[in-house]
Protein backbone atom coordinates (compact mmCIF):
# COMPACT_ATOMS: atom_id res chain seq x y z
CA MET A 1 111.22 64.90 108.92
CA LYS A 2 114.97 64.35 109.21
CA LEU A 3 117.24 67.40 109.22
CA LYS A 4 118.87 66.35 105.96
CA PHE A 5 115.45 66.13 104.28
CA VAL A 6 114.36 69.52 105.64
CA PHE A 7 117.54 71.17 104.34
CA SER A 8 117.27 69.59 100.90
CA LEU A 9 113.63 70.61 100.62
CA PHE A 10 114.49 74.18 101.60
CA MET A 11 117.27 74.39 99.06
CA ALA A 12 115.05 72.95 96.35
CA GLY A 13 112.43 75.59 97.09
CA ALA A 14 115.02 78.36 97.13
CA SER A 15 116.25 77.45 93.69
CA LEU A 16 112.82 77.64 92.07
CA GLY A 17 111.52 80.68 90.22
CA VAL A 18 109.09 83.16 91.70
CA PHE A 19 106.08 81.42 90.16
CA ALA A 20 107.41 77.86 90.14
CA GLN A 21 104.62 75.30 90.02
CA THR A 22 105.27 72.55 92.54
CA HIS A 23 103.36 70.58 95.15
CA LEU A 24 103.26 73.67 97.37
CA GLU A 25 100.37 75.36 95.54
CA GLY A 26 98.16 72.29 95.82
CA VAL A 27 99.04 71.87 99.50
CA GLU A 28 98.09 75.49 100.12
CA TYR A 29 94.65 74.96 98.60
CA TYR A 30 94.15 71.67 100.46
CA LYS A 31 94.91 73.25 103.81
CA ALA A 32 92.45 76.03 102.98
CA ASP A 33 89.74 73.36 102.44
CA GLN A 34 89.51 74.03 98.69
CA PHE A 35 89.81 70.40 97.74
CA ASN A 36 88.86 70.45 94.05
CA ASN A 37 91.40 73.17 93.36
CA ALA A 38 93.98 71.31 95.40
CA LEU A 39 93.45 68.16 93.36
CA GLU A 40 93.83 70.00 90.06
CA LEU A 41 97.08 71.66 91.10
CA LEU A 42 98.62 68.55 92.66
CA GLU A 43 97.91 66.54 89.53
CA ARG A 44 98.94 69.36 87.19
CA ASN A 45 102.25 69.97 88.94
CA TYR A 46 103.12 66.41 89.94
CA ASN A 47 105.93 65.92 87.42
CA ASN A 48 107.23 69.48 87.55
CA PRO A 49 110.78 70.19 88.71
CA GLY A 50 110.75 71.06 92.39
CA THR A 51 107.70 69.00 93.25
CA ASP A 52 108.30 66.76 96.25
CA LYS A 53 106.39 63.68 95.17
CA ALA A 54 106.35 62.21 98.67
CA VAL A 55 104.47 65.29 99.87
CA ALA A 56 102.25 65.33 96.78
CA ASN A 57 101.29 61.69 97.32
CA TYR A 58 100.33 62.37 100.92
CA TYR A 59 97.87 65.09 99.95
CA LEU A 60 96.58 63.15 96.96
CA GLY A 61 95.93 60.31 99.37
CA LEU A 62 94.01 62.60 101.72
CA LEU A 63 91.95 63.82 98.77
CA SER A 64 91.19 60.22 97.78
CA ILE A 65 89.91 59.56 101.29
CA ARG A 66 87.57 62.53 100.90
CA GLN A 67 86.37 61.00 97.64
CA GLN A 68 85.71 57.70 99.44
CA ASP A 69 88.42 56.06 97.32
CA LEU A 70 90.27 54.21 100.07
CA ALA A 71 92.09 51.90 97.67
CA GLY A 72 93.38 54.89 95.74
CA ALA A 73 94.41 56.60 98.97
CA LYS A 74 96.39 53.55 100.06
CA LYS A 75 98.18 53.50 96.72
CA TYR A 76 99.20 57.14 97.09
CA PHE A 77 100.43 56.75 100.67
CA GLU A 78 102.42 53.61 99.88
CA GLN A 79 103.90 55.28 96.83
CA GLY A 80 104.86 58.25 99.00
CA VAL A 81 106.62 55.95 101.47
CA SER A 82 108.54 54.24 98.68
CA ILE A 83 109.65 57.63 97.28
CA ASN A 84 110.86 58.88 100.66
CA PRO A 85 110.60 56.57 103.67
CA ASP A 86 111.86 59.41 105.89
CA TYR A 87 108.82 61.58 105.19
CA ALA A 88 106.57 60.96 108.17
CA TYR A 89 103.21 62.06 106.85
CA ASN A 90 102.48 59.16 104.52
CA TYR A 91 102.58 56.88 107.58
CA ILE A 92 99.99 59.16 109.13
CA GLY A 93 97.97 58.76 105.94
CA LEU A 94 98.18 54.97 106.22
CA GLY A 95 97.12 55.28 109.84
CA SER A 96 94.11 57.33 108.76
CA LEU A 97 93.08 54.51 106.43
CA GLU A 98 93.35 51.95 109.22
CA LEU A 99 91.09 54.09 111.38
CA LYS A 100 88.57 54.21 108.53
CA ASN A 101 88.71 50.41 108.42
CA GLY A 102 88.35 50.11 112.20
CA ASN A 103 91.91 48.83 112.72
CA VAL A 104 92.92 51.05 115.62
CA LYS A 105 96.02 49.03 116.55
CA GLU A 106 97.40 49.15 113.00
CA ALA A 107 96.67 52.88 112.89
CA GLU A 108 98.65 53.42 116.09
CA ASN A 109 101.58 51.45 114.68
CA ASN A 110 101.70 53.73 111.65
CA PHE A 111 101.44 56.82 113.82
CA LYS A 112 104.38 55.57 115.91
CA LYS A 113 106.47 55.24 112.75
CA ALA A 114 105.72 58.87 111.97
CA GLU A 115 106.56 59.91 115.52
CA LYS A 116 109.95 58.20 115.41
CA LEU A 117 110.90 59.97 112.21
CA ASN A 118 109.99 63.42 113.55
CA LYS A 119 110.25 63.29 117.32
CA LYS A 120 110.60 67.06 117.67
CA ASP A 121 108.12 68.14 114.99
CA ALA A 122 104.95 69.41 116.66
CA ALA A 123 103.14 69.52 113.30
CA VAL A 124 103.37 65.72 113.02
CA TRP A 125 101.45 65.34 116.27
CA VAL A 126 98.81 67.80 115.04
CA ALA A 127 98.42 65.75 111.85
CA ILE A 128 97.88 62.65 114.01
CA ALA A 129 95.25 64.48 116.07
CA ARG A 130 93.54 65.54 112.84
CA ALA A 131 93.60 61.94 111.56
CA TYR A 132 91.70 60.80 114.66
CA TYR A 133 89.31 63.76 114.45
CA GLU A 134 88.51 63.21 110.76
CA SER A 135 88.25 59.42 110.99
CA SER A 136 84.46 59.67 111.12
CA SER A 137 81.69 62.04 112.12
CA GLU A 138 82.12 60.69 115.66
CA GLY A 139 85.91 60.81 115.59
CA ALA A 140 86.14 63.63 118.14
CA THR A 141 84.14 61.59 120.65
CA ILE A 142 85.50 58.12 119.93
CA TYR A 143 89.14 59.21 120.01
CA GLU A 144 88.88 62.06 122.49
CA LYS A 145 91.79 60.76 124.61
CA GLN A 146 94.05 60.09 121.62
CA ILE A 147 93.38 63.58 120.23
CA ALA A 148 94.09 65.22 123.58
CA ASN A 149 97.30 63.22 123.94
CA ALA A 150 98.49 64.13 120.43
CA LEU A 151 97.86 67.82 121.03
CA LYS A 152 99.60 67.60 124.39
CA ASN A 153 102.67 66.11 122.71
CA ALA A 154 102.51 68.81 120.03
CA ARG A 155 102.59 71.54 122.67
CA ARG A 156 105.48 69.86 124.43
CA ARG A 157 107.49 70.11 121.21
CA ASN A 158 106.41 73.65 120.35
CA MET A 159 103.61 75.43 122.13
CA TYR A 160 103.63 78.08 119.40
CA GLU A 161 103.22 75.65 116.49
CA PRO A 162 100.78 77.37 114.06
CA GLU A 163 99.23 74.03 113.03
CA ILE A 164 97.91 73.62 116.58
CA PHE A 165 95.92 76.82 116.35
CA ILE A 166 94.69 76.11 112.82
CA TYR A 167 93.44 72.70 113.94
CA GLU A 168 91.70 74.18 116.98
CA GLY A 169 90.21 76.90 114.78
CA ASP A 170 88.83 74.24 112.44
CA VAL A 171 87.26 72.37 115.34
CA ALA A 172 85.73 75.57 116.70
CA TYR A 173 84.36 76.38 113.25
CA ASP A 174 82.82 72.89 113.01
CA HIS A 175 81.01 73.66 116.27
CA ASP A 176 79.84 77.02 114.89
CA ASP A 177 81.99 78.91 117.41
CA ARG A 178 83.16 81.55 114.97
CA ASN A 179 84.64 83.87 117.56
CA SER A 180 86.89 81.13 118.90
CA ALA A 181 87.78 80.05 115.36
CA ALA A 182 88.75 83.61 114.46
CA SER A 183 90.91 83.90 117.56
CA LYS A 184 92.73 80.64 116.78
CA TYR A 185 93.34 81.53 113.13
CA GLU A 186 94.64 84.93 114.18
CA MET A 187 97.10 83.28 116.57
CA ALA A 188 98.28 80.99 113.78
CA THR A 189 99.03 84.01 111.59
CA THR A 190 100.94 85.57 114.47
CA TYR A 191 103.26 82.57 114.76
CA ASN A 192 103.51 82.01 111.01
CA PRO A 193 102.92 85.23 109.04
CA LYS A 194 103.11 83.25 105.79
CA ALA A 195 100.41 80.72 106.70
CA ALA A 196 98.08 81.24 103.74
CA ASP A 197 95.46 78.79 104.98
CA ALA A 198 95.17 80.56 108.34
CA TYR A 199 94.69 83.97 106.72
CA VAL A 200 92.17 82.64 104.21
CA LYS A 201 90.10 80.84 106.85
CA TYR A 202 90.28 83.90 109.09
CA ALA A 203 89.20 86.21 106.27
CA LYS A 204 86.28 83.97 105.23
CA LEU A 205 84.75 84.38 108.67
CA TYR A 206 84.33 88.09 107.93
CA THR A 207 83.67 88.11 104.18
CA LYS A 208 79.90 88.64 104.43
CA PHE A 209 79.49 91.02 107.37
CA ASN A 210 82.83 92.84 107.38
CA PRO A 211 84.34 92.55 103.90
CA ASP A 212 86.82 95.37 104.47
CA PHE A 213 88.38 93.48 107.37
CA ALA A 214 88.55 90.30 105.29
CA ILE A 215 90.28 92.24 102.53
CA SER A 216 92.77 93.72 105.00
CA MET A 217 93.66 90.22 106.24
CA LEU A 218 94.28 88.96 102.72
CA LYS A 219 96.39 92.01 101.93
CA LYS A 220 98.44 91.26 105.02
CA LEU A 221 98.93 87.68 103.79
CA LEU A 222 100.26 88.95 100.47
CA GLU A 223 102.59 91.39 102.21
CA ASN A 224 104.19 88.41 103.94
CA ASN A 225 103.71 85.86 101.17
CA PRO A 226 103.40 87.85 97.91
CA ASN A 227 103.58 84.85 95.57
CA SER A 228 100.74 82.91 97.19
CA ALA A 229 98.36 82.05 94.34
CA LEU A 230 95.73 81.22 96.94
CA GLY A 231 96.13 84.61 98.58
CA GLN A 232 96.01 86.44 95.25
CA ARG A 233 92.87 84.61 94.21
CA GLU A 234 91.10 85.04 97.53
CA LEU A 235 91.80 88.77 97.57
CA ALA A 236 90.34 89.11 94.08
CA GLU A 237 87.28 87.11 95.17
CA ALA A 238 86.90 89.24 98.30
CA TYR A 239 86.72 92.37 96.16
CA TYR A 240 84.25 90.61 93.86
CA ASN A 241 82.00 89.59 96.77
CA LYS A 242 82.07 93.21 97.95
CA GLU A 243 80.95 94.19 94.42
CA ASP A 244 84.09 96.29 94.03
CA TYR A 245 84.55 95.07 90.48
CA LYS A 246 87.25 97.57 89.57
CA SER A 247 89.53 96.43 92.41
CA ALA A 248 88.62 92.81 91.71
CA ALA A 249 89.69 93.21 88.08
CA GLU A 250 92.95 94.87 89.11
CA GLN A 251 93.73 92.04 91.53
CA TYR A 252 92.75 89.38 89.00
CA SER A 253 95.11 91.01 86.49
CA LYS A 254 97.95 90.21 88.89
CA TYR A 255 96.70 86.76 89.82
CA ILE A 256 96.00 85.68 86.25
CA ASN A 257 99.74 85.92 85.52
CA ASN A 258 100.42 83.34 88.21
CA PRO A 259 100.71 79.99 86.40
CA SER A 260 98.80 78.36 89.25
CA HIS A 261 95.57 80.06 88.24
CA PHE A 262 92.61 78.00 86.98
CA LYS A 263 90.82 78.15 83.63
CA SER A 264 87.65 79.23 85.41
CA ASP A 265 89.57 82.25 86.70
CA GLU A 266 90.12 83.41 83.13
CA ASN A 267 86.35 83.54 82.64
CA ARG A 268 85.90 85.46 85.88
CA TYR A 269 88.58 87.93 84.81
CA LEU A 270 86.79 88.46 81.49
CA LEU A 271 83.56 89.16 83.37
CA LEU A 272 85.27 91.64 85.68
CA LEU A 273 86.98 93.49 82.85
CA PHE A 274 83.65 93.88 81.08
CA HIS A 275 81.68 94.99 84.13
CA GLY A 276 84.55 97.25 85.14
CA GLY A 277 84.25 99.06 81.82
CA LYS A 278 87.71 97.97 80.65
CA TYR A 279 86.50 97.04 77.19
CA GLN A 280 89.79 97.37 75.32
CA GLU A 281 91.58 95.19 77.87
CA GLY A 282 88.69 92.75 77.80
CA TYR A 283 88.77 92.56 74.02
CA GLU A 284 92.54 92.02 73.97
CA TYR A 285 92.44 89.38 76.70
CA SER A 286 89.58 87.45 75.08
CA SER A 287 91.43 87.60 71.75
CA LYS A 288 94.55 86.24 73.47
CA LEU A 289 92.57 83.33 74.92
CA LEU A 290 91.03 82.61 71.51
CA ALA A 291 94.47 82.55 69.91
CA GLU A 292 95.40 79.86 72.44
CA ASN A 293 92.13 77.99 72.05
CA PRO A 294 89.65 78.94 69.28
CA ASP A 295 87.01 76.73 70.93
CA ASN A 296 86.93 78.85 74.10
CA PHE A 297 83.31 79.90 73.73
CA THR A 298 83.27 82.14 76.80
CA ALA A 299 86.20 84.10 75.41
CA ARG A 300 84.40 84.37 72.07
CA ARG A 301 81.29 85.77 73.73
CA PHE A 302 83.27 88.35 75.68
CA GLN A 303 85.22 89.29 72.58
CA LEU A 304 81.91 90.29 70.97
CA MET A 305 80.60 91.98 74.12
CA ASN A 306 83.71 94.12 74.53
CA ALA A 307 83.99 94.89 70.82
CA ALA A 308 80.42 96.20 70.87
CA GLN A 309 81.59 98.93 73.27
CA LEU A 310 84.51 100.02 71.09
CA ASP A 311 83.83 102.41 68.20
CA PRO A 312 86.81 101.24 66.08
CA MET A 313 85.37 97.71 66.14
CA LYS A 314 82.04 98.73 64.61
CA ASP A 315 82.69 97.19 61.20
CA GLN A 316 83.74 93.85 62.70
CA LEU A 317 80.74 93.33 64.95
CA LEU A 318 78.57 91.50 62.43
CA GLY A 319 81.26 88.90 61.76
CA LEU A 320 81.91 88.41 65.48
CA ALA A 321 78.18 88.07 66.14
CA GLU A 322 77.74 85.57 63.32
CA GLU A 323 80.57 83.41 64.67
CA VAL A 324 79.18 83.38 68.21
CA TYR A 325 75.74 82.39 66.95
CA ARG A 326 77.12 79.78 64.56
CA ARG A 327 79.02 78.06 67.36
CA HIS A 328 76.02 78.35 69.65
CA MET A 329 73.71 76.69 67.13
CA ALA A 330 76.26 73.93 66.49
CA ASP A 331 76.26 72.99 70.18
CA PRO A 332 73.49 74.83 72.08
CA LYS A 333 73.93 72.82 75.27
CA ASN A 334 77.64 73.44 75.78
CA ASN A 335 77.71 76.80 74.02
CA ALA A 336 74.75 78.46 75.69
CA ILE A 337 74.32 82.19 75.30
CA ALA A 338 72.75 84.81 77.55
CA ILE A 339 70.36 87.71 77.11
CA VAL A 340 73.17 90.10 76.23
CA ASP A 341 74.27 87.77 73.42
CA TYR A 342 70.79 87.54 71.93
CA ASN A 343 70.56 91.33 72.03
CA LEU A 344 73.92 91.92 70.37
CA ILE A 345 73.49 89.25 67.70
CA SER A 346 69.95 90.29 66.77
CA SER A 347 70.95 93.96 66.67
CA GLU A 348 73.83 93.32 64.27
CA LEU A 349 71.58 91.27 62.00
CA ARG A 350 68.94 94.02 62.12
CA PHE A 351 71.51 96.69 61.28
CA ALA A 352 72.50 94.54 58.29
CA LYS A 353 68.79 94.44 57.29
CA ARG A 354 68.74 90.67 57.74
CA TYR A 355 65.38 90.97 59.40
CA GLU A 356 64.22 87.35 59.26
CA GLU A 357 67.42 86.12 60.91
CA ALA A 358 67.21 88.82 63.58
CA THR A 359 63.63 87.79 64.28
CA GLU A 360 64.59 84.13 64.66
CA VAL A 361 67.37 85.01 67.11
CA LEU A 362 64.98 87.01 69.27
CA LYS A 363 62.30 84.31 69.15
CA GLU A 364 64.86 81.82 70.42
CA GLY A 365 65.76 84.30 73.15
CA ILE A 366 62.11 84.49 74.19
CA ILE A 367 61.96 80.71 74.49
CA GLU A 368 65.14 80.59 76.58
CA PHE A 369 64.38 83.67 78.70
CA PRO A 370 60.59 84.13 78.67
CA GLU A 371 60.77 86.54 81.61
CA ASN A 372 62.80 89.05 79.58
CA ALA A 373 60.14 91.34 78.12
CA ASP A 374 62.73 93.50 76.39
CA PHE A 375 63.00 90.90 73.63
CA TYR A 376 59.49 91.90 72.52
CA ARG A 377 60.52 95.55 72.32
CA ARG A 378 63.48 94.58 70.17
CA LEU A 379 61.22 92.46 67.99
CA ALA A 380 59.01 95.50 67.45
CA LYS A 381 61.90 97.47 65.99
CA ILE A 382 62.23 95.06 63.09
CA PRO A 383 58.87 95.79 61.36
CA LEU A 384 59.20 99.45 62.40
CA GLU A 385 62.40 99.78 60.37
CA GLN A 386 60.50 98.32 57.41
CA ASN A 387 57.62 100.80 57.88
CA LYS A 388 55.26 97.93 58.71
CA PHE A 389 53.38 99.97 61.28
CA ASP A 390 50.62 97.44 61.95
CA GLU A 391 53.14 94.70 62.77
CA ALA A 392 55.22 97.14 64.81
CA ALA A 393 52.12 98.25 66.74
CA ASP A 394 51.16 94.65 67.46
CA ALA A 395 54.69 93.89 68.65
CA TYR A 396 54.83 96.96 70.91
CA MET A 397 51.45 96.18 72.45
CA LEU A 398 52.65 92.65 73.12
CA TYR A 399 55.79 94.08 74.73
CA ILE A 400 53.74 96.39 76.98
CA SER A 401 51.60 93.42 78.05
CA LYS A 402 54.72 91.49 79.04
CA THR A 403 56.36 94.14 81.19
CA ASP A 404 55.45 96.02 84.34
CA LYS A 405 58.19 98.56 83.67
CA ALA A 406 56.88 100.31 80.57
CA SER A 407 58.39 103.78 80.36
CA TYR A 408 56.85 106.95 78.99
CA THR A 409 58.87 106.41 75.82
CA ASP A 410 57.48 102.88 75.44
CA LEU A 411 53.92 104.10 75.94
CA ILE A 412 54.04 107.06 73.58
CA GLN A 413 55.83 104.96 70.95
CA THR A 414 53.05 102.37 71.16
CA ALA A 415 50.38 105.08 70.98
CA LEU A 416 51.96 106.63 67.90
CA LEU A 417 52.41 103.28 66.15
CA CYS A 418 48.80 102.32 66.79
CA TYR A 419 47.64 105.65 65.38
CA TYR A 420 49.86 105.32 62.30
CA ALA A 421 48.70 101.73 61.78
CA GLY A 422 45.11 102.96 61.66
CA ASP A 423 45.56 106.30 59.93
CA LEU A 424 47.74 104.95 57.13
CA ASN A 425 45.39 102.08 56.38
CA LYS A 426 42.96 103.74 53.94
CA ASP A 427 41.54 100.49 52.58
CA GLU A 428 37.79 100.54 53.25
CA THR A 429 37.80 96.77 53.76
CA GLN A 430 40.17 97.23 56.69
CA LYS A 431 38.19 100.04 58.32
CA ALA A 432 37.23 98.07 61.44
CA LYS A 433 40.80 96.98 62.05
CA ALA A 434 42.08 100.50 61.43
CA GLU A 435 39.65 101.94 63.97
CA GLU A 436 40.69 99.31 66.49
CA TYR A 437 44.31 100.42 66.17
CA VAL A 438 43.29 104.06 66.68
CA ARG A 439 41.22 103.18 69.75
CA ASN A 440 44.29 101.42 71.13
CA SER A 441 46.31 104.56 70.47
CA ILE A 442 43.97 106.39 72.86
CA VAL A 443 44.56 103.76 75.55
CA TYR A 444 48.34 104.08 75.38
CA ALA A 445 48.33 107.87 74.96
CA GLU A 446 46.30 108.18 78.17
CA LYS A 447 48.84 106.00 79.97
CA ALA A 448 51.67 108.09 78.52
CA ALA A 449 49.98 111.26 79.81
CA VAL A 450 49.95 109.79 83.31
CA ALA A 451 53.61 108.78 83.02
CA ASP A 452 54.64 112.30 81.91
CA PRO A 453 51.82 114.81 82.52
CA ASP A 454 53.92 117.77 81.37
CA ASN A 455 54.57 116.42 77.89
CA TYR A 456 52.38 117.65 75.05
CA ARG A 457 52.75 114.57 72.82
CA PRO A 458 50.18 112.27 74.50
CA TYR A 459 47.55 115.01 74.20
CA LYS A 460 48.31 115.57 70.53
CA VAL A 461 47.89 111.83 69.89
CA LEU A 462 44.62 111.88 71.86
CA GLY A 463 43.38 114.81 69.79
CA ASP A 464 44.37 113.14 66.51
CA ALA A 465 42.80 109.81 67.49
CA LYS A 466 39.52 111.27 68.70
CA ALA A 467 39.21 113.36 65.56
CA TYR A 468 39.89 110.26 63.44
CA LEU A 469 37.15 108.23 65.15
CA ALA A 470 34.54 111.02 65.26
CA PRO A 471 31.75 111.28 62.70
CA GLU A 472 32.53 113.69 59.88
CA ALA A 473 30.35 116.41 61.38
CA ASP A 474 32.17 116.27 64.73
CA LYS A 475 35.77 115.89 63.58
CA ALA A 476 36.60 119.58 64.02
CA THR A 477 35.65 119.57 67.71
CA ALA A 478 36.23 115.98 68.87
CA GLY A 479 39.84 116.51 69.86
CA LYS A 480 39.59 120.18 70.81
CA ALA A 481 40.19 119.81 74.57
CA ASP A 482 43.22 117.58 74.04
CA TYR A 483 44.69 119.86 71.38
CA GLU A 484 44.30 122.84 73.69
CA LYS A 485 46.06 120.94 76.47
CA ALA A 486 48.87 120.04 74.09
CA LEU A 487 49.14 123.66 72.98
CA SER A 488 49.53 124.78 76.61
CA LEU A 489 52.47 122.40 77.09
CA ILE A 490 54.36 122.54 73.81
CA ASP A 491 57.56 124.48 73.21
CA GLN A 492 56.76 125.92 69.80
CA GLU A 493 60.37 126.69 68.90
CA LYS A 494 61.63 123.18 69.61
CA ASN A 495 58.57 121.47 68.12
CA ALA A 496 57.55 123.83 65.34
CA SER A 497 56.04 121.17 63.08
CA ASP A 498 53.78 119.69 65.79
CA PHE A 499 52.87 123.20 66.93
CA ALA A 500 51.71 124.07 63.43
CA GLU A 501 49.65 120.86 63.17
CA ILE A 502 47.92 121.52 66.50
CA GLN A 503 47.09 125.07 65.52
CA LYS A 504 45.70 123.85 62.20
CA ALA A 505 43.55 121.28 64.00
CA LEU A 506 42.19 124.03 66.23
CA GLY A 507 41.51 126.23 63.23
CA VAL A 508 44.04 128.84 64.29
CA LYS A 509 45.58 130.69 61.37
């Protein structure tokens, strides 16, 4: 790169705003091996003021090579040369293409053009070494001498060039030598404290087994390069991977204001706000996104989810739930909903006494998430609210059969419902069915007694059920042992009504 070009590029960068969107953001992501993100940013920012299109074309060309689009890559490199023939790297790009096509001599000619333009720039020689290395899966072996020579020339120009150490770190990483890779990336950060790609690659080596160290590296990057969108995003992700959702949300709140963020980041931020318990912020942010794009279905879902946690939003929940479900039904494939959505929507419909609609929502949920037994429990609440005890009992028994996590509350509720379903059915023609319900109440009451042996309620149900099923002559004594057990456990002041019933059953006046 000629001195005049370097100076003009520096001045152009200096004149841009803090969060200017240029080629630099895409380059940062490319060098960190995040190629899809790099492509989006390079294309998004291509025509922005401050973007050096010669540089942008070089990296777009490299991305095209990775996509096996060699014709497209050639177009980018040639366009880059025409924009600025003094920018060396597009010649390196053309050389890379020649290597892909097996034209080693033509590749060398292009590399020589790059060398002449930047005789003292060690980074150019590193880029040439990388071109040989990445020419094929056997590039390191086929072009071993050329790579060694390019790196030798790079060190002659500047033995402390950070790109040398980043390249060597990448090679070490490819050979699964993580210790060597870490050492090389660390050296790169020493010689260029603003090298975002070096910090990010260094941090990723530690993300899983030493997340705190990875976080400290990314914080150090942002101390030296505070406006790095890549650094901001990676720090937020590092907190997320550590399951420190509060810190992740706080970091995302900073990053999301960087115009170089991605749409997918907005969804992640919504998730973090919700799981971090920041419901008001989550509601406001989802509402902001919906104002910008009413078809943002993720934002619409999180608007409902956050609103459901806010008391002042209580009266608006039904409308929000209806809109989420309407959009889901209009396009189920692209507007899929999760368990939490089915729960919220069905609950709001149930609260509005729109029982059939609530039932349909839950039945769809069962089809989509058959492993989620809680849907059956929620289904059982619908007939229960309508005093349809037989249907409620059936639904609760079905729920118990679907889960291995039935609680004491689930078991005693099922026992009570089965007893009510039998006891309240006085129709002689339904006697057999009524007795079956009561026998089931005994089954679930016994299980409830095991789940909470110090609670009187299971024993009261057992006493009631046994008395119900006993012949008329034995009714007074059939449940005696269970009633006595219940009496020994009950707090008569807190449960005065049940206490009185048990005493009456035992004939105590």
